[in-house]
Amino acid sequence: LARTEIIRAHHQATIQEYRNWGVWGVNVMAEMITAGDDRVCPICEALTLKNPYSLDDAMNLIPVHPQCRCTTIPFEPGVDTLIH
């Protein structure tokens, strides 16, 4: 339970930081990524297919379930990303 709540707090702080970037004119969305291994659950895998997310939609997205290992990375529309 503690690990899951730490992940939730970290994720919400990360999304807030993405919002803060707007002060400098950097407007981003959030892209959800999984651990990419054979332990990724079907729910999390399906949510990655809906990328990218608005920051409002992403705020309470993670953790999806207890012991969720997903995270978000910034996504700037029109800019190629390294992870897909």
C-alpha atoms as a PDB file:
ATOM      1  CA  LEU A   1       0.000   0.000   0.000  1.00  0.00           C
ATOM      2  CA  ALA A   2       2.766   2.454   0.896  1.00  0.00           C
ATOM      3  CA  ARG A   3       4.617   1.799  -2.374  1.00  0.00           C
ATOM      4  CA  THR A   4       1.458   2.409  -4.403  1.00  0.00           C
ATOM      5  CA  GLU A   5       0.719   5.681  -2.588  1.00  0.00           C
ATOM      6  CA  ILE A   6       4.297   6.868  -3.086  1.00  0.00           C
ATOM      7  CA  ILE A   7       3.917   6.167  -6.802  1.00  0.00           C
ATOM      8  CA  ARG A   8       0.644   8.153  -6.818  1.00  0.00           C
ATOM      9  CA  ALA A   9       2.254  11.161  -5.095  1.00  0.00           C
ATOM     10  CA  HIS A  10       5.279  11.059  -7.381  1.00  0.00           C
ATOM     11  CA  HIS A  11       3.096  10.835 -10.478  1.00  0.00           C
ATOM     12  CA  GLN A  12       0.893  13.765  -9.439  1.00  0.00           C
ATOM     13  CA  ALA A  13       3.980  15.880  -8.709  1.00  0.00           C
ATOM     14  CA  THR A  14       5.391  14.980 -12.128  1.00  0.00           C
ATOM     15  CA  ILE A  15       2.196  16.039 -13.901  1.00  0.00           C
ATOM     16  CA  GLN A  16       2.198  19.304 -11.933  1.00  0.00           C
ATOM     17  CA  GLU A  17       5.780  19.896 -13.039  1.00  0.00           C
ATOM     18  CA  TYR A  18       4.718  19.389 -16.676  1.00  0.00           C
ATOM     19  CA  ARG A  19       2.055  22.057 -16.062  1.00  0.00           C
ATOM     20  CA  ASN A  20       4.691  24.379 -14.585  1.00  0.00           C
ATOM     21  CA  TRP A  21       6.663  24.194 -17.835  1.00  0.00           C
ATOM     22  CA  GLY A  22       3.864  26.234 -19.395  1.00  0.00           C
ATOM     23  CA  VAL A  23       5.265  29.306 -17.605  1.00  0.00           C
ATOM     24  CA  TRP A  24       8.256  29.085 -19.969  1.00  0.00           C
ATOM     25  CA  GLY A  25       6.063  28.437 -23.002  1.00  0.00           C
ATOM     26  CA  VAL A  26       6.596  24.672 -23.118  1.00  0.00           C
ATOM     27  CA  ASN A  27       3.193  23.052 -23.446  1.00  0.00           C
ATOM     28  CA  VAL A  28       3.229  19.291 -23.251  1.00  0.00           C
ATOM     29  CA  MET A  29       0.918  16.348 -22.898  1.00  0.00           C
ATOM     30  CA  ALA A  30       1.680  13.108 -21.047  1.00  0.00           C
ATOM     31  CA  GLU A  31       2.533   9.775 -22.603  1.00  0.00           C
ATOM     32  CA  MET A  32       1.969   6.708 -20.434  1.00  0.00           C
ATOM     33  CA  ILE A  33       4.620   4.005 -20.637  1.00  0.00           C
ATOM     34  CA  THR A  34       4.819   0.573 -19.060  1.00  0.00           C
ATOM     35  CA  ALA A  35       7.806  -1.391 -17.838  1.00  0.00           C
ATOM     36  CA  GLY A  36       7.750  -3.144 -21.221  1.00  0.00           C
ATOM     37  CA  ASP A  37       8.212  -6.652 -19.891  1.00  0.00           C
ATOM     38  CA  ASP A  38       6.076  -9.796 -19.676  1.00  0.00           C
ATOM     39  CA  ARG A  39       4.582  -8.694 -16.330  1.00  0.00           C
ATOM     40  CA  VAL A  40       2.662  -5.734 -17.811  1.00  0.00           C
ATOM     41  CA  CYS A  41      -1.046  -6.191 -17.147  1.00  0.00           C
ATOM     42  CA  PRO A  42      -3.634  -6.004 -19.955  1.00  0.00           C
ATOM     43  CA  ILE A  43      -5.246  -2.893 -18.425  1.00  0.00           C
ATOM     44  CA  CYS A  44      -2.027  -0.905 -18.457  1.00  0.00           C
ATOM     45  CA  GLU A  45      -1.129  -2.150 -21.927  1.00  0.00           C
ATOM     46  CA  ALA A  46      -4.513  -0.982 -23.231  1.00  0.00           C
ATOM     47  CA  LEU A  47      -4.098   2.450 -21.651  1.00  0.00           C
ATOM     48  CA  THR A  48      -0.837   3.012 -23.530  1.00  0.00           C
ATOM     49  CA  LEU A  49      -2.752   2.653 -26.787  1.00  0.00           C
ATOM     50  CA  LYS A  50      -4.686   5.824 -25.902  1.00  0.00           C
ATOM     51  CA  ASN A  51      -1.528   7.992 -25.772  1.00  0.00           C
ATOM     52  CA  PRO A  52      -1.057  10.901 -25.496  1.00  0.00           C
ATOM     53  CA  TYR A  53      -3.146  12.187 -22.583  1.00  0.00           C
ATOM     54  CA  SER A  54      -3.968  15.752 -21.645  1.00  0.00           C
ATOM     55  CA  LEU A  55      -2.422  16.720 -18.332  1.00  0.00           C
ATOM     56  CA  ASP A  56      -5.893  16.839 -16.776  1.00  0.00           C
ATOM     57  CA  ASP A  57      -6.625  13.284 -17.939  1.00  0.00           C
ATOM     58  CA  ALA A  58      -3.194  12.063 -16.861  1.00  0.00           C
ATOM     59  CA  MET A  59      -3.329  13.543 -13.342  1.00  0.00           C
ATOM     60  CA  ASN A  60      -5.123  10.576 -11.758  1.00  0.00           C
ATOM     61  CA  LEU A  61      -4.171   7.925 -14.320  1.00  0.00           C
ATOM     62  CA  ILE A  62      -1.335   6.312 -12.362  1.00  0.00           C
ATOM     63  CA  PRO A  63      -1.220   4.080 -10.431  1.00  0.00           C
ATOM     64  CA  VAL A  64      -3.772   2.051 -12.344  1.00  0.00           C
ATOM     65  CA  HIS A  65      -3.749  -0.687  -9.699  1.00  0.00           C
ATOM     66  CA  PRO A  66      -1.732  -1.695  -6.611  1.00  0.00           C
ATOM     67  CA  GLN A  67       1.961  -2.182  -7.433  1.00  0.00           C
ATOM     68  CA  CYS A  68       1.544  -0.513 -10.834  1.00  0.00           C
ATOM     69  CA  ARG A  69       4.919   0.073 -12.483  1.00  0.00           C
ATOM     70  CA  CYS A  70       3.784   2.527 -15.162  1.00  0.00           C
ATOM     71  CA  THR A  71       4.914   6.111 -15.470  1.00  0.00           C
ATOM     72  CA  THR A  72       4.426   9.077 -17.766  1.00  0.00           C
ATOM     73  CA  ILE A  73       6.862  10.999 -19.877  1.00  0.00           C
ATOM     74  CA  PRO A  74       6.349  14.410 -21.464  1.00  0.00           C
ATOM     75  CA  PHE A  75       4.949  14.428 -24.981  1.00  0.00           C
ATOM     76  CA  GLU A  76       5.128  17.535 -27.124  1.00  0.00           C
ATOM     77  CA  PRO A  77       2.808  17.334 -30.138  1.00  0.00           C
ATOM     78  CA  GLY A  78       4.721  17.638 -33.381  1.00  0.00           C
ATOM     79  CA  VAL A  79       8.045  16.561 -31.874  1.00  0.00           C
ATOM     80  CA  ASP A  80       9.423  13.050 -32.398  1.00  0.00           C
ATOM     81  CA  THR A  81       9.942  11.083 -29.185  1.00  0.00           C
ATOM     82  CA  LEU A  82      12.479   8.381 -28.459  1.00  0.00           C
ATOM     83  CA  ILE A  83      10.041   5.923 -26.862  1.00  0.00           C
ATOM     84  CA  HIS A  84       7.060   4.456 -28.724  1.00  0.00           C
END
